[in-house]
Amino acid sequence: MAILADLGRVSPEEADATYELVVERVRAYPPDLRATREHLDALLDIMQETGNVPDPHPEFERFLDGSYLEEAQRRLASTRP
């Protein structure tokens, strides 16, 4: 929560409330971290409701590219005994 508060420039209470809403209640981030259109839409809805992002633009589609996640998982697997 301290990292979220620091990077988001919000109070610890706001960071905790944000985490509870986005991660626990709405589940905008899937457990395996593989982004889907459904998860992206949920996150964008929250951002729009709170005034943190303009209407969605086509460039948001780039977040659905799973290649970075796949590469990170591959590298992590190669470091495990």
Protein backbone atom coordinates (compact mmCIF):
# COMPACT_ATOMS: atom_id res chain seq x y z
CA MET A 1 0.00 0.00 0.00
CA ALA A 2 2.91 2.34 0.69
CA ILE A 3 4.14 1.99 -2.91
CA LEU A 4 0.64 2.61 -4.28
CA ALA A 5 0.24 5.67 -2.04
CA ASP A 6 3.66 7.02 -3.00
CA LEU A 7 3.37 6.48 -6.75
CA GLY A 8 -0.26 7.61 -6.81
CA ARG A 9 0.53 10.58 -4.58
CA VAL A 10 -2.40 9.74 -2.31
CA SER A 11 -2.87 9.03 1.37
CA PRO A 12 -2.46 5.49 2.71
CA GLU A 13 -6.22 5.40 3.28
CA GLU A 14 -6.91 6.35 -0.35
CA ALA A 15 -4.43 3.74 -1.56
CA ASP A 16 -6.12 1.09 0.57
CA ALA A 17 -9.58 2.07 -0.72
CA THR A 18 -8.32 2.04 -4.32
CA TYR A 19 -6.80 -1.41 -3.92
CA GLU A 20 -9.98 -2.73 -2.33
CA LEU A 21 -12.11 -1.36 -5.17
CA VAL A 22 -9.91 -2.20 -8.16
CA VAL A 23 -8.30 -5.47 -7.07
CA GLU A 24 -10.67 -7.07 -4.59
CA ARG A 25 -14.15 -5.86 -5.56
CA VAL A 26 -14.06 -5.20 -9.30
CA ARG A 27 -11.18 -7.62 -9.93
CA ALA A 28 -9.88 -5.48 -12.75
CA TYR A 29 -6.63 -7.45 -12.65
CA PRO A 30 -6.97 -11.19 -13.30
CA PRO A 31 -5.04 -13.53 -10.98
CA ASP A 32 -2.79 -14.74 -13.81
CA LEU A 33 -2.23 -11.11 -14.95
CA ARG A 34 -3.36 -11.95 -18.50
CA ALA A 35 -5.29 -8.90 -19.65
CA THR A 36 -8.64 -9.47 -21.30
CA ARG A 37 -10.96 -6.95 -22.90
CA GLU A 38 -13.37 -7.48 -19.97
CA HIS A 39 -10.70 -6.60 -17.40
CA LEU A 40 -9.51 -3.60 -19.40
CA ASP A 41 -13.08 -2.33 -19.72
CA ALA A 42 -13.62 -2.68 -15.95
CA LEU A 43 -10.45 -0.74 -15.21
CA LEU A 44 -11.32 1.98 -17.74
CA ASP A 45 -14.82 2.28 -16.26
CA ILE A 46 -13.33 2.89 -12.82
CA MET A 47 -10.87 5.43 -14.22
CA GLN A 48 -13.64 7.29 -16.04
CA GLU A 49 -15.93 7.29 -13.00
CA THR A 50 -13.19 8.84 -10.90
CA GLY A 51 -12.20 11.33 -13.59
CA ASN A 52 -8.72 9.88 -14.08
CA VAL A 53 -8.87 9.20 -17.81
CA PRO A 54 -10.66 10.64 -20.82
CA ASP A 55 -12.99 8.53 -22.93
CA PRO A 56 -11.21 5.37 -24.10
CA HIS A 57 -9.05 5.72 -27.16
CA PRO A 58 -7.93 2.94 -29.54
CA GLU A 59 -4.40 2.97 -28.08
CA PHE A 60 -5.74 1.25 -24.95
CA GLU A 61 -5.88 -1.92 -27.02
CA ARG A 62 -2.11 -2.20 -26.66
CA PHE A 63 -2.65 -3.34 -23.06
CA LEU A 64 -4.20 -6.53 -24.39
CA ASP A 65 -0.84 -7.63 -25.84
CA GLY A 66 0.17 -10.62 -23.72
CA SER A 67 3.67 -10.95 -25.17
CA TYR A 68 5.32 -9.02 -22.31
CA LEU A 69 3.63 -11.19 -19.70
CA GLU A 70 4.59 -14.36 -21.58
CA GLU A 71 8.22 -13.24 -21.79
CA ALA A 72 8.31 -12.34 -18.09
CA GLN A 73 6.83 -15.72 -17.16
CA ARG A 74 9.32 -17.50 -19.44
CA ARG A 75 12.26 -15.66 -17.84
CA LEU A 76 10.96 -16.30 -14.33
CA ALA A 77 10.57 -20.01 -15.07
CA SER A 78 14.15 -20.21 -16.38
CA THR A 79 15.55 -18.83 -13.09
CA ARG A 80 13.80 -21.37 -10.90
CA PRO A 81 15.70 -24.51 -9.85
